[in-house]
Protein backbone atom coordinates (compact mmCIF):
# COMPACT_ATOMS: atom_id res chain seq x y z
CA UNK A 1 7.91 86.94 86.95
CA UNK A 2 6.14 90.74 85.76
CA UNK A 3 4.64 92.90 88.52
CA UNK A 4 1.32 94.34 88.19
CA UNK A 5 1.33 97.77 90.71
CA UNK A 6 -2.20 99.27 88.29
CA UNK A 7 -5.21 98.30 87.23
CA UNK A 8 -7.80 100.63 84.16
CA UNK A 9 -11.13 100.05 85.00
CA UNK A 10 -12.24 99.02 82.19
CA UNK A 11 -9.49 99.49 80.03
CA UNK A 12 -10.71 102.39 80.20
CA UNK A 13 -8.92 105.33 77.56
CA UNK A 14 -7.24 102.01 75.55
CA UNK A 15 -8.75 101.01 71.88
CA UNK A 16 -9.50 98.14 71.33
CA UNK A 17 -6.95 96.07 69.63
CA UNK A 18 -4.85 96.60 72.04
CA UNK A 19 -6.92 94.45 74.25
CA UNK A 20 -7.83 91.80 71.82
CA UNK A 21 -4.46 90.97 72.08
CA UNK A 22 -3.33 91.74 76.00
CA UNK A 23 -2.72 88.36 77.93
CA UNK A 24 -5.91 87.34 79.63
CA UNK A 25 -6.15 85.88 82.94
CA UNK A 26 -8.70 84.33 85.22
CA UNK A 27 -9.41 84.88 88.60
CA UNK A 28 -12.39 83.62 91.94
CA UNK A 29 -14.03 86.50 93.44
CA UNK A 30 -12.15 85.50 95.78
CA UNK A 31 -8.66 85.68 94.08
CA UNK A 32 -10.10 89.14 92.98
CA UNK A 33 -10.86 90.66 96.22
CA UNK A 34 -7.43 90.15 97.37
CA UNK A 35 -4.84 93.52 96.62
CA UNK A 36 -1.93 90.61 96.29
CA UNK A 37 -1.62 88.24 94.58
CA UNK A 38 -0.04 85.74 92.16
CA UNK A 39 -1.48 84.05 88.68
CA UNK A 40 -0.83 82.65 85.55
CA UNK A 41 -2.06 84.39 82.04
CA UNK A 42 -3.52 83.00 79.28
CA UNK A 43 0.22 83.24 77.67
CA UNK A 44 1.67 81.02 80.33
CA UNK A 45 3.59 83.76 82.23
CA UNK A 46 3.70 84.14 86.59
CA UNK A 47 2.17 86.99 87.27
CA UNK A 48 2.75 88.73 90.92
CA UNK A 49 -0.13 91.36 91.51
CA UNK A 50 -0.30 93.86 94.07
CA UNK A 51 -2.44 96.93 94.47
CA UNK A 52 -3.65 98.94 96.71
CA UNK A 53 -5.91 97.70 100.15
CA UNK A 54 -9.83 97.78 99.06
CA UNK A 55 -9.11 97.71 94.87
CA UNK A 56 -11.19 94.56 93.44
CA UNK A 57 -10.78 93.95 90.36
CA UNK A 58 -14.06 92.35 88.30
CA UNK A 59 -14.54 91.54 84.84
CA UNK A 60 -12.58 94.17 81.82
CA UNK A 61 -10.87 95.75 84.30
CA UNK A 62 -7.05 96.20 83.41
CA UNK A 63 -4.45 95.57 84.82
CA UNK A 64 -1.10 96.83 83.45
CA UNK A 65 2.89 95.87 84.19
CA UNK A 66 5.90 97.40 86.02
CA UNK A 67 6.78 97.54 82.14
CA UNK A 68 3.96 98.63 80.41
CA UNK A 69 1.90 95.44 79.60
């Protein structure tokens, strides 16, 4: 399982080509308000998300894994 612990709001500073080929996740509003949860990417990879408390994920935000993916 890939561990995610960083969020880049709206993908600021990332190249458009990088964003196009990145995996995506679809999250309900209830899940986006949680700081810890497990989900699966569009490519079928299991992801554990561990963000600071109070962090809400919004559409277009980019989650970054420990390995940089």
